[in-house]
Amino acid sequence: MEKKVLKVEGMSCEHCVKAVTRALESLPGLAGVAVELKSGTVSFRFDPGKTSLKDIEAAIDDAGYTVVA
């Protein structure tokens, strides 16, 4: 499992936190999803053999938020 922290733009409330959390928890191979509204980050562990970082970023985008580099 790899650990990753991503900066996410567009989150402004607890609904946003829940939306991003649900989007990520629906993907296979993710664990320990933690969305921090104040810092605008999401951290998690993932199995690259089950889910790619590209898929994770796409799930966040599909939920209506933007991953920034």
Protein backbone atom coordinates (compact mmCIF):
# COMPACT_ATOMS: atom_id res chain seq x y z
CA MET A 1 0.00 0.00 0.00
CA GLU A 2 1.23 3.47 -0.88
CA LYS A 3 0.33 6.56 1.13
CA LYS A 4 -0.65 9.73 -0.70
CA VAL A 5 -1.86 13.23 0.16
CA LEU A 6 -3.61 15.30 -2.49
CA LYS A 7 -4.57 18.99 -2.47
CA VAL A 8 -8.22 19.39 -3.46
CA GLU A 9 -9.89 22.68 -4.46
CA GLY A 10 -13.57 23.47 -4.16
CA MET A 11 -14.37 21.96 -0.78
CA SER A 12 -16.18 24.46 1.46
CA CYS A 13 -18.37 22.48 3.87
CA GLU A 14 -18.98 19.14 5.55
CA HIS A 15 -21.13 18.04 2.61
CA CYS A 16 -18.04 18.42 0.42
CA VAL A 17 -16.02 16.30 2.83
CA LYS A 18 -18.67 13.56 2.74
CA ALA A 19 -18.91 13.68 -1.07
CA VAL A 20 -15.15 13.25 -1.53
CA THR A 21 -15.00 10.55 1.14
CA ARG A 22 -17.84 8.59 -0.49
CA ALA A 23 -16.25 8.93 -3.93
CA LEU A 24 -12.94 7.54 -2.71
CA GLU A 25 -14.37 4.81 -0.49
CA SER A 26 -16.23 3.42 -3.52
CA LEU A 27 -12.92 2.61 -5.23
CA PRO A 28 -11.23 -0.78 -4.73
CA GLY A 29 -7.91 -0.88 -2.91
CA LEU A 30 -8.25 2.32 -0.86
CA ALA A 31 -7.97 2.51 2.92
CA GLY A 32 -7.66 5.16 5.60
CA VAL A 33 -9.38 7.93 3.63
CA ALA A 34 -9.19 11.21 5.58
CA VAL A 35 -10.53 14.45 4.10
CA GLU A 36 -9.43 17.67 5.83
CA LEU A 37 -11.63 20.65 5.04
CA LYS A 38 -9.41 23.26 6.72
CA SER A 39 -6.26 22.29 4.80
CA GLY A 40 -8.10 21.25 1.64
CA THR A 41 -6.37 17.90 1.53
CA VAL A 42 -7.27 14.26 1.28
CA SER A 43 -4.96 11.52 2.51
CA PHE A 44 -5.29 7.79 1.96
CA ARG A 45 -3.45 4.54 1.39
CA PHE A 46 -3.99 2.69 -1.86
CA ASP A 47 -2.99 -0.49 -3.63
CA PRO A 48 -1.70 0.53 -7.09
CA GLY A 49 -2.47 -2.99 -8.29
CA LYS A 50 -6.19 -2.35 -7.72
CA THR A 51 -6.62 1.39 -8.34
CA SER A 52 -4.43 3.92 -10.10
CA LEU A 53 -3.77 7.46 -8.96
CA LYS A 54 -5.42 8.59 -12.20
CA ASP A 55 -8.62 6.72 -11.19
CA ILE A 56 -8.51 8.34 -7.74
CA GLU A 57 -8.13 11.82 -9.22
CA ALA A 58 -10.98 11.08 -11.68
CA ALA A 59 -13.27 10.03 -8.80
CA ILE A 60 -12.57 13.33 -7.02
CA ASP A 61 -13.20 15.23 -10.26
CA ASP A 62 -16.46 13.31 -10.87
CA ALA A 63 -17.59 14.34 -7.36
CA GLY A 64 -17.19 17.99 -8.45
CA TYR A 65 -13.80 18.92 -7.00
CA THR A 66 -10.36 19.56 -8.49
CA VAL A 67 -7.05 17.95 -7.58
CA VAL A 68 -4.22 20.49 -7.81
CA ALA A 69 -0.59 19.65 -8.39
